Amino acid sequence: MKVEIKFFATLRLYLGVASLTLNLDKPIIVDELINILVEKFNDKKVREYLVEGKKIKTGTMILINGKNILHINGLNTVVEEGMISIFPPAGGG
């Protein structure tokens, strides 16, 4: 199963890449996908950037094929083949 992950805003700057393609052997949930990203970038801060406790951090938006996972099953949403877009919390004032 092929999944393309696009990173936006400060997360893109932090990771130094705009996108990443993963080939998954089996369906996984978003929480497992975030763990894969932590391993791939060898950086535990990736999880801290996106997750707070057992929930998506306020202001973070993760879309699977254009659907916001907050309206599906949060971190337990099954990752489907296709496009995942990750927008970190926005800041400003």
PDB file of N, CA and C in Angstrom:
ATOM      1  N   MET A   1       0.852  -1.165   0.000  1.00  0.00           N
ATOM      2  CA  MET A   1       0.000   0.000   0.000  1.00  0.00           C
ATOM      3  C   MET A   1       0.904   1.237   0.000  1.00  0.00           C
ATOM      4  N   LYS A   2       0.717   2.079  -0.989  1.00  0.00           N
ATOM      5  CA  LYS A   2       1.559   3.268  -1.138  1.00  0.00           C
ATOM      6  C   LYS A   2       0.855   4.490  -0.554  1.00  0.00           C
ATOM      7  N   VAL A   3       1.584   5.228   0.279  1.00  0.00           N
ATOM      8  CA  VAL A   3       1.052   6.420   0.928  1.00  0.00           C
ATOM      9  C   VAL A   3       2.033   7.571   0.712  1.00  0.00           C
ATOM     10  N   GLU A   4       1.525   8.679   0.199  1.00  0.00           N
ATOM     11  CA  GLU A   4       2.361   9.873   0.079  1.00  0.00           C
ATOM     12  C   GLU A   4       1.965  10.834   1.188  1.00  0.00           C
ATOM     13  N   ILE A   5       2.959  11.279   1.940  1.00  0.00           N
ATOM     14  CA  ILE A   5       2.723  12.193   3.054  1.00  0.00           C
ATOM     15  C   ILE A   5       3.294  13.553   2.677  1.00  0.00           C
ATOM     16  N   LYS A   6       2.459  14.576   2.755  1.00  0.00           N
ATOM     17  CA  LYS A   6       2.911  15.943   2.487  1.00  0.00           C
ATOM     18  C   LYS A   6       2.945  16.710   3.799  1.00  0.00           C
ATOM     19  N   PHE A   7       4.041  17.411   4.016  1.00  0.00           N
ATOM     20  CA  PHE A   7       4.235  18.211   5.221  1.00  0.00           C
ATOM     21  C   PHE A   7       4.083  19.686   4.863  1.00  0.00           C
ATOM     22  N   PHE A   8       3.472  20.453   5.754  1.00  0.00           N
ATOM     23  CA  PHE A   8       3.218  21.861   5.480  1.00  0.00           C
ATOM     24  C   PHE A   8       3.759  22.757   6.590  1.00  0.00           C
ATOM     25  N   ALA A   9       3.926  24.020   6.227  1.00  0.00           N
ATOM     26  CA  ALA A   9       4.274  25.102   7.159  1.00  0.00           C
ATOM     27  C   ALA A   9       5.548  24.792   7.951  1.00  0.00           C
ATOM     28  N   THR A  10       5.523  25.051   9.246  1.00  0.00           N
ATOM     29  CA  THR A  10       6.727  24.912  10.069  1.00  0.00           C
ATOM     30  C   THR A  10       7.196  23.462  10.174  1.00  0.00           C
ATOM     31  N   LEU A  11       6.293  22.505  10.014  1.00  0.00           N
ATOM     32  CA  LEU A  11       6.706  21.095  10.042  1.00  0.00           C
ATOM     33  C   LEU A  11       7.592  20.783   8.840  1.00  0.00           C
ATOM     34  N   ARG A  12       7.249  21.326   7.691  1.00  0.00           N
ATOM     35  CA  ARG A  12       8.070  21.149   6.487  1.00  0.00           C
ATOM     36  C   ARG A  12       9.460  21.751   6.713  1.00  0.00           C
ATOM     37  N   LEU A  13       9.501  22.929   7.296  1.00  0.00           N
ATOM     38  CA  LEU A  13      10.792  23.568   7.573  1.00  0.00           C
ATOM     39  C   LEU A  13      11.597  22.757   8.581  1.00  0.00           C
ATOM     40  N   TYR A  14      10.931  22.265   9.617  1.00  0.00           N
ATOM     41  CA  TYR A  14      11.601  21.503  10.669  1.00  0.00           C
ATOM     42  C   TYR A  14      12.199  20.205  10.122  1.00  0.00           C
ATOM     43  N   LEU A  15      11.418  19.492   9.304  1.00  0.00           N
ATOM     44  CA  LEU A  15      11.884  18.205   8.778  1.00  0.00           C
ATOM     45  C   LEU A  15      12.827  18.366   7.595  1.00  0.00           C
ATOM     46  N   GLY A  16      12.727  19.482   6.897  1.00  0.00           N
ATOM     47  CA  GLY A  16      13.589  19.712   5.746  1.00  0.00           C
ATOM     48  C   GLY A  16      13.139  19.008   4.481  1.00  0.00           C
ATOM     49  N   VAL A  17      11.913  18.484   4.470  1.00  0.00           N
ATOM     50  CA  VAL A  17      11.362  17.832   3.278  1.00  0.00           C
ATOM     51  C   VAL A  17       9.903  18.247   3.114  1.00  0.00           C
ATOM     52  N   ALA A  18       9.459  18.274   1.867  1.00  0.00           N
ATOM     53  CA  ALA A  18       8.067  18.635   1.587  1.00  0.00           C
ATOM     54  C   ALA A  18       7.155  17.416   1.584  1.00  0.00           C
ATOM     55  N   SER A  19       7.733  16.257   1.233  1.00  0.00           N
ATOM     56  CA  SER A  19       6.902  15.056   1.173  1.00  0.00           C
ATOM     57  C   SER A  19       7.752  13.807   1.356  1.00  0.00           C
ATOM     58  N   LEU A  20       7.047  12.717   1.572  1.00  0.00           N
ATOM     59  CA  LEU A  20       7.686  11.422   1.809  1.00  0.00           C
ATOM     60  C   LEU A  20       6.721  10.350   1.322  1.00  0.00           C
ATOM     61  N   THR A  21       7.237   9.357   0.620  1.00  0.00           N
ATOM     62  CA  THR A  21       6.402   8.244   0.172  1.00  0.00           C
ATOM     63  C   THR A  21       6.772   7.004   0.963  1.00  0.00           C
ATOM     64  N   LEU A  22       5.751   6.339   1.498  1.00  0.00           N
ATOM     65  CA  LEU A  22       5.948   5.100   2.250  1.00  0.00           C
ATOM     66  C   LEU A  22       5.198   3.971   1.565  1.00  0.00           C
ATOM     67  N   ASN A  23       5.796   2.794   1.580  1.00  0.00           N
ATOM     68  CA  ASN A  23       5.111   1.590   1.133  1.00  0.00           C
ATOM     69  C   ASN A  23       4.826   0.761   2.370  1.00  0.00           C
ATOM     70  N   LEU A  24       3.551   0.615   2.688  1.00  0.00           N
ATOM     71  CA  LEU A  24       3.138  -0.109   3.885  1.00  0.00           C
ATOM     72  C   LEU A  24       2.673  -1.510   3.508  1.00  0.00           C
ATOM     73  N   ASP A  25       3.071  -2.489   4.326  1.00  0.00           N
ATOM     74  CA  ASP A  25       2.688  -3.878   4.076  1.00  0.00           C
ATOM     75  C   ASP A  25       1.243  -4.162   4.445  1.00  0.00           C
ATOM     76  N   LYS A  26       0.736  -3.403   5.413  1.00  0.00           N
ATOM     77  CA  LYS A  26      -0.615  -3.660   5.919  1.00  0.00           C
ATOM     78  C   LYS A  26      -1.223  -2.349   6.385  1.00  0.00           C
ATOM     79  N   PRO A  27      -2.530  -2.314   6.534  1.00  0.00           N
ATOM     80  CA  PRO A  27      -3.157  -1.099   7.056  1.00  0.00           C
ATOM     81  C   PRO A  27      -2.663  -0.800   8.476  1.00  0.00           C
ATOM     82  N   ILE A  28      -2.487   0.479   8.760  1.00  0.00           N
ATOM     83  CA  ILE A  28      -2.082   0.925  10.095  1.00  0.00           C
ATOM     84  C   ILE A  28      -2.980   2.091  10.492  1.00  0.00           C
ATOM     85  N   ILE A  29      -2.896   2.490  11.750  1.00  0.00           N
ATOM     86  CA  ILE A  29      -3.637   3.667  12.195  1.00  0.00           C
ATOM     87  C   ILE A  29      -2.695   4.872  12.219  1.00  0.00           C
ATOM     88  N   VAL A  30      -3.264   6.055  12.305  1.00  0.00           N
ATOM     89  CA  VAL A  30      -2.480   7.296  12.280  1.00  0.00           C
ATOM     90  C   VAL A  30      -1.432   7.316  13.390  1.00  0.00           C
ATOM     91  N   ASP A  31      -1.784   6.834  14.569  1.00  0.00           N
ATOM     92  CA  ASP A  31      -0.824   6.804  15.677  1.00  0.00           C
ATOM     93  C   ASP A  31       0.420   5.996  15.299  1.00  0.00           C
ATOM     94  N   GLU A  32       0.230   4.877  14.616  1.00  0.00           N
ATOM     95  CA  GLU A  32       1.369   4.063  14.164  1.00  0.00           C
ATOM     96  C   GLU A  32       2.151   4.793  13.076  1.00  0.00           C
ATOM     97  N   LEU A  33       1.449   5.511  12.214  1.00  0.00           N
ATOM     98  CA  LEU A  33       2.117   6.287  11.170  1.00  0.00           C
ATOM     99  C   LEU A  33       3.038   7.336  11.788  1.00  0.00           C
ATOM    100  N   ILE A  34       2.573   7.994  12.829  1.00  0.00           N
ATOM    101  CA  ILE A  34       3.407   8.996  13.504  1.00  0.00           C
ATOM    102  C   ILE A  34       4.645   8.330  14.099  1.00  0.00           C
ATOM    103  N   ASN A  35       4.493   7.132  14.648  1.00  0.00           N
ATOM    104  CA  ASN A  35       5.658   6.394  15.158  1.00  0.00           C
ATOM    105  C   ASN A  35       6.645   6.075  14.042  1.00  0.00           C
ATOM    106  N   ILE A  36       6.138   5.738  12.862  1.00  0.00           N
ATOM    107  CA  ILE A  36       7.009   5.477  11.711  1.00  0.00           C
ATOM    108  C   ILE A  36       7.773   6.747  11.343  1.00  0.00           C
ATOM    109  N   LEU A  37       7.101   7.894  11.380  1.00  0.00           N
ATOM    110  CA  LEU A  37       7.775   9.161  11.073  1.00  0.00           C
ATOM    111  C   LEU A  37       8.857   9.474  12.098  1.00  0.00           C
ATOM    112  N   VAL A  38       8.584   9.187  13.369  1.00  0.00           N
ATOM    113  CA  VAL A  38       9.592   9.383  14.420  1.00  0.00           C
ATOM    114  C   VAL A  38      10.834   8.556  14.096  1.00  0.00           C
ATOM    115  N   GLU A  39      10.635   7.291  13.705  1.00  0.00           N
ATOM    116  CA  GLU A  39      11.766   6.418  13.356  1.00  0.00           C
ATOM    117  C   GLU A  39      12.461   6.897  12.090  1.00  0.00           C
ATOM    118  N   LYS A  40      11.680   7.254  11.082  1.00  0.00           N
ATOM    119  CA  LYS A  40      12.232   7.659   9.786  1.00  0.00           C
ATOM    120  C   LYS A  40      13.132   8.891   9.920  1.00  0.00           C
ATOM    121  N   PHE A  41      12.690   9.849  10.730  1.00  0.00           N
ATOM    122  CA  PHE A  41      13.459  11.082  10.905  1.00  0.00           C
ATOM    123  C   PHE A  41      14.348  11.030  12.140  1.00  0.00           C
ATOM    124  N   ASN A  42      14.293   9.903  12.862  1.00  0.00           N
ATOM    125  CA  ASN A  42      15.092   9.703  14.073  1.00  0.00           C
ATOM    126  C   ASN A  42      14.944  10.900  15.017  1.00  0.00           C
ATOM    127  N   ASP A  43      13.678  11.271  15.261  1.00  0.00           N
ATOM    128  CA  ASP A  43      13.416  12.475  16.045  1.00  0.00           C
ATOM    129  C   ASP A  43      12.090  12.347  16.794  1.00  0.00           C
ATOM    130  N   LYS A  44      12.155  12.195  18.106  1.00  0.00           N
ATOM    131  CA  LYS A  44      10.953  12.052  18.932  1.00  0.00           C
ATOM    132  C   LYS A  44      10.110  13.325  18.958  1.00  0.00           C
ATOM    133  N   LYS A  45      10.714  14.444  18.592  1.00  0.00           N
ATOM    134  CA  LYS A  45       9.974  15.710  18.604  1.00  0.00           C
ATOM    135  C   LYS A  45       8.870  15.736  17.548  1.00  0.00           C
ATOM    136  N   VAL A  46       8.975  14.872  16.546  1.00  0.00           N
ATOM    137  CA  VAL A  46       7.917  14.800  15.535  1.00  0.00           C
ATOM    138  C   VAL A  46       6.588  14.486  16.221  1.00  0.00           C
ATOM    139  N   ARG A  47       6.599  13.537  17.143  1.00  0.00           N
ATOM    140  CA  ARG A  47       5.378  13.177  17.881  1.00  0.00           C
ATOM    141  C   ARG A  47       4.925  14.349  18.749  1.00  0.00           C
ATOM    142  N   GLU A  48       5.864  14.982  19.447  1.00  0.00           N
ATOM    143  CA  GLU A  48       5.525  16.119  20.309  1.00  0.00           C
ATOM    144  C   GLU A  48       4.930  17.274  19.503  1.00  0.00           C
ATOM    145  N   TYR A  49       5.374  17.405  18.273  1.00  0.00           N
ATOM    146  CA  TYR A  49       4.902  18.461  17.381  1.00  0.00           C
ATOM    147  C   TYR A  49       3.424  18.274  17.034  1.00  0.00           C
ATOM    148  N   LEU A  50       2.981  16.989  16.954  1.00  0.00           N
ATOM    149  CA  LEU A  50       1.649  16.674  16.439  1.00  0.00           C
ATOM    150  C   LEU A  50       0.655  16.152  17.465  1.00  0.00           C
ATOM    151  N   VAL A  51       1.168  15.552  18.548  1.00  0.00           N
ATOM    152  CA  VAL A  51       0.296  14.842  19.489  1.00  0.00           C
ATOM    153  C   VAL A  51       0.486  15.384  20.900  1.00  0.00           C
ATOM    154  N   GLU A  52      -0.622  15.449  21.622  1.00  0.00           N
ATOM    155  CA  GLU A  52      -0.604  15.874  23.016  1.00  0.00           C
ATOM    156  C   GLU A  52      -1.351  14.811  23.810  1.00  0.00           C
ATOM    157  N   GLY A  53      -0.616  14.056  24.626  1.00  0.00           N
ATOM    158  CA  GLY A  53      -1.242  12.940  25.336  1.00  0.00           C
ATOM    159  C   GLY A  53      -1.658  11.876  24.344  1.00  0.00           C
ATOM    160  N   LYS A  54      -2.938  11.577  24.308  1.00  0.00           N
ATOM    161  CA  LYS A  54      -3.446  10.567  23.377  1.00  0.00           C
ATOM    162  C   LYS A  54      -4.359  11.182  22.325  1.00  0.00           C
ATOM    163  N   LYS A  55      -4.177  12.494  22.102  1.00  0.00           N
ATOM    164  CA  LYS A  55      -4.993  13.215  21.127  1.00  0.00           C
ATOM    165  C   LYS A  55      -4.103  14.022  20.197  1.00  0.00           C
ATOM    166  N   ILE A  56      -4.669  14.376  19.070  1.00  0.00           N
ATOM    167  CA  ILE A  56      -3.976  15.273  18.160  1.00  0.00           C
ATOM    168  C   ILE A  56      -3.886  16.637  18.829  1.00  0.00           C
ATOM    169  N   LYS A  57      -2.717  17.239  18.746  1.00  0.00           N
ATOM    170  CA  LYS A  57      -2.500  18.549  19.370  1.00  0.00           C
ATOM    171  C   LYS A  57      -3.470  19.573  18.779  1.00  0.00           C
ATOM    172  N   THR A  58      -4.006  20.417  19.634  1.00  0.00           N
ATOM    173  CA  THR A  58      -4.924  21.465  19.201  1.00  0.00           C
ATOM    174  C   THR A  58      -4.279  22.292  18.094  1.00  0.00           C
ATOM    175  N   GLY A  59      -4.992  22.470  17.006  1.00  0.00           N
ATOM    176  CA  GLY A  59      -4.485  23.241  15.878  1.00  0.00           C
ATOM    177  C   GLY A  59      -3.834  22.400  14.801  1.00  0.00           C
ATOM    178  N   THR A  60      -3.509  21.147  15.114  1.00  0.00           N
ATOM    179  CA  THR A  60      -2.930  20.249  14.121  1.00  0.00           C
ATOM    180  C   THR A  60      -4.050  19.705  13.243  1.00  0.00           C
ATOM    181  N   MET A  61      -3.776  19.584  11.949  1.00  0.00           N
ATOM    182  CA  MET A  61      -4.755  18.997  11.043  1.00  0.00           C
ATOM    183  C   MET A  61      -4.069  17.913  10.217  1.00  0.00           C
ATOM    184  N   ILE A  62      -4.624  16.716  10.258  1.00  0.00           N
ATOM    185  CA  ILE A  62      -4.124  15.602   9.462  1.00  0.00           C
ATOM    186  C   ILE A  62      -5.267  15.145   8.567  1.00  0.00           C
ATOM    187  N   LEU A  63      -5.020  15.193   7.263  1.00  0.00           N
ATOM    188  CA  LEU A  63      -6.026  14.800   6.284  1.00  0.00           C
ATOM    189  C   LEU A  63      -5.597  13.516   5.595  1.00  0.00           C
ATOM    190  N   ILE A  64      -6.521  12.588   5.449  1.00  0.00           N
ATOM    191  CA  ILE A  64      -6.282  11.381   4.661  1.00  0.00           C
ATOM    192  C   ILE A  64      -7.202  11.471   3.457  1.00  0.00           C
ATOM    193  N   ASN A  65      -6.600  11.599   2.285  1.00  0.00           N
ATOM    194  CA  ASN A  65      -7.361  11.778   1.048  1.00  0.00           C
ATOM    195  C   ASN A  65      -8.400  12.895   1.201  1.00  0.00           C
ATOM    196  N   GLY A  66      -7.972  13.993   1.834  1.00  0.00           N
ATOM    197  CA  GLY A  66      -8.803  15.174   1.972  1.00  0.00           C
ATOM    198  C   GLY A  66      -9.786  15.164   3.131  1.00  0.00           C
ATOM    199  N   LYS A  67      -9.813  14.078   3.912  1.00  0.00           N
ATOM    200  CA  LYS A  67     -10.747  13.980   5.039  1.00  0.00           C
ATOM    201  C   LYS A  67     -10.000  14.163   6.355  1.00  0.00           C
ATOM    202  N   ASN A  68     -10.478  15.087   7.174  1.00  0.00           N
ATOM    203  CA  ASN A  68      -9.852  15.382   8.457  1.00  0.00           C
ATOM    204  C   ASN A  68     -10.074  14.219   9.419  1.00  0.00           C
ATOM    205  N   ILE A  69      -8.987  13.676   9.976  1.00  0.00           N
ATOM    206  CA  ILE A  69      -9.110  12.508  10.857  1.00  0.00           C
ATOM    207  C   ILE A  69      -9.850  12.821  12.148  1.00  0.00           C
ATOM    208  N   LEU A  70      -9.936  14.100  12.516  1.00  0.00           N
ATOM    209  CA  LEU A  70     -10.704  14.466  13.714  1.00  0.00           C
ATOM    210  C   LEU A  70     -12.179  14.116  13.545  1.00  0.00           C
ATOM    211  N   HIS A  71     -12.639  14.091  12.295  1.00  0.00           N
ATOM    212  CA  HIS A  71     -14.037  13.784  12.013  1.00  0.00           C
ATOM    213  C   HIS A  71     -14.237  12.303  11.690  1.00  0.00           C
ATOM    214  N   ILE A  72     -13.165  11.535  11.792  1.00  0.00           N
ATOM    215  CA  ILE A  72     -13.271  10.093  11.543  1.00  0.00           C
ATOM    216  C   ILE A  72     -13.061   9.382  12.875  1.00  0.00           C
ATOM    217  N   ASN A  73     -11.801   9.079  13.207  1.00  0.00           N
ATOM    218  CA  ASN A  73     -11.530   8.359  14.456  1.00  0.00           C
ATOM    219  C   ASN A  73     -10.231   8.836  15.110  1.00  0.00           C
ATOM    220  N   GLY A  74      -9.868  10.099  14.869  1.00  0.00           N
ATOM    221  CA  GLY A  74      -8.675  10.664  15.487  1.00  0.00           C
ATOM    222  C   GLY A  74      -7.420   9.852  15.199  1.00  0.00           C
ATOM    223  N   LEU A  75      -6.594   9.652  16.211  1.00  0.00           N
ATOM    224  CA  LEU A  75      -5.338   8.905  16.052  1.00  0.00           C
ATOM    225  C   LEU A  75      -5.575   7.439  15.723  1.00  0.00           C
ATOM    226  N   ASN A  76      -6.803   6.957  15.911  1.00  0.00           N
ATOM    227  CA  ASN A  76      -7.140   5.564  15.594  1.00  0.00           C
ATOM    228  C   ASN A  76      -7.713   5.406  14.193  1.00  0.00           C
ATOM    229  N   THR A  77      -7.683   6.467  13.402  1.00  0.00           N
ATOM    230  CA  THR A  77      -8.157   6.404  12.024  1.00  0.00           C
ATOM    231  C   THR A  77      -7.231   5.508  11.213  1.00  0.00           C
ATOM    232  N   VAL A  78      -7.811   4.626  10.424  1.00  0.00           N
ATOM    233  CA  VAL A  78      -7.025   3.728   9.575  1.00  0.00           C
ATOM    234  C   VAL A  78      -6.471   4.525   8.397  1.00  0.00           C
ATOM    235  N   VAL A  79      -5.182   4.334   8.135  1.00  0.00           N
ATOM    236  CA  VAL A  79      -4.514   4.999   7.021  1.00  0.00           C
ATOM    237  C   VAL A  79      -4.868   4.250   5.742  1.00  0.00           C
ATOM    238  N   GLU A  80      -5.421   4.985   4.786  1.00  0.00           N
ATOM    239  CA  GLU A  80      -5.773   4.408   3.498  1.00  0.00           C
ATOM    240  C   GLU A  80      -4.719   4.788   2.476  1.00  0.00           C
ATOM    241  N   GLU A  81      -4.632   3.985   1.436  1.00  0.00           N
ATOM    242  CA  GLU A  81      -3.708   4.293   0.358  1.00  0.00           C
ATOM    243  C   GLU A  81      -4.060   5.658  -0.228  1.00  0.00           C
ATOM    244  N   GLY A  82      -3.051   6.428  -0.541  1.00  0.00           N
ATOM    245  CA  GLY A  82      -3.289   7.735  -1.141  1.00  0.00           C
ATOM    246  C   GLY A  82      -2.466   8.824  -0.505  1.00  0.00           C
ATOM    247  N   MET A  83      -3.101   9.975  -0.286  1.00  0.00           N
ATOM    248  CA  MET A  83      -2.407  11.179   0.166  1.00  0.00           C
ATOM    249  C   MET A  83      -2.743  11.513   1.614  1.00  0.00           C
ATOM    250  N   ILE A  84      -1.696  11.779   2.385  1.00  0.00           N
ATOM    251  CA  ILE A  84      -1.864  12.257   3.753  1.00  0.00           C
ATOM    252  C   ILE A  84      -1.215  13.634   3.818  1.00  0.00           C
ATOM    253  N   SER A  85      -1.964  14.601   4.294  1.00  0.00           N
ATOM    254  CA  SER A  85      -1.458  15.966   4.444  1.00  0.00           C
ATOM    255  C   SER A  85      -1.409  16.287   5.928  1.00  0.00           C
ATOM    256  N   ILE A  86      -0.252  16.780   6.382  1.00  0.00           N
ATOM    257  CA  ILE A  86      -0.088  17.094   7.800  1.00  0.00           C
ATOM    258  C   ILE A  86       0.240  18.577   7.956  1.00  0.00           C
ATOM    259  N   PHE A  87      -0.670  19.270   8.646  1.00  0.00           N
ATOM    260  CA  PHE A  87      -0.512  20.690   8.941  1.00  0.00           C
ATOM    261  C   PHE A  87      -0.282  20.838  10.441  1.00  0.00           C
ATOM    262  N   PRO A  88       0.858  21.376  10.859  1.00  0.00           N
ATOM    263  CA  PRO A  88       1.115  21.557  12.292  1.00  0.00           C
ATOM    264  C   PRO A  88       0.283  22.707  12.848  1.00  0.00           C
ATOM    265  N   PRO A  89       0.248  22.835  14.172  1.00  0.00           N
ATOM    266  CA  PRO A  89      -0.469  23.971  14.762  1.00  0.00           C
ATOM    267  C   PRO A  89       0.104  25.288  14.240  1.00  0.00           C
ATOM    268  N   ALA A  90      -0.773  26.224  13.965  1.00  0.00           N
ATOM    269  CA  ALA A  90      -0.337  27.537  13.483  1.00  0.00           C
ATOM    270  C   ALA A  90      -0.074  28.444  14.675  1.00  0.00           C
ATOM    271  N   GLY A  91       0.851  29.335  14.502  1.00  0.00           N
ATOM    272  CA  GLY A  91       1.137  30.304  15.553  1.00  0.00           C
ATOM    273  C   GLY A  91       1.002  31.702  14.994  1.00  0.00           C
ATOM    274  N   GLY A  92       1.090  32.636  15.831  1.00  0.00           N
ATOM    275  CA  GLY A  92       1.017  34.012  15.356  1.00  0.00           C
ATOM    276  C   GLY A  92       0.329  34.893  16.370  1.00  0.00           C
ATOM    277  N   GLY A  93       0.110  36.081  15.970  1.00  0.00           N
ATOM    278  CA  GLY A  93      -0.536  36.970  16.911  1.00  0.00           C
ATOM    279  C   GLY A  93      -1.014  38.233  16.284  1.00  0.00           C
TER     280      GLY A  93
END
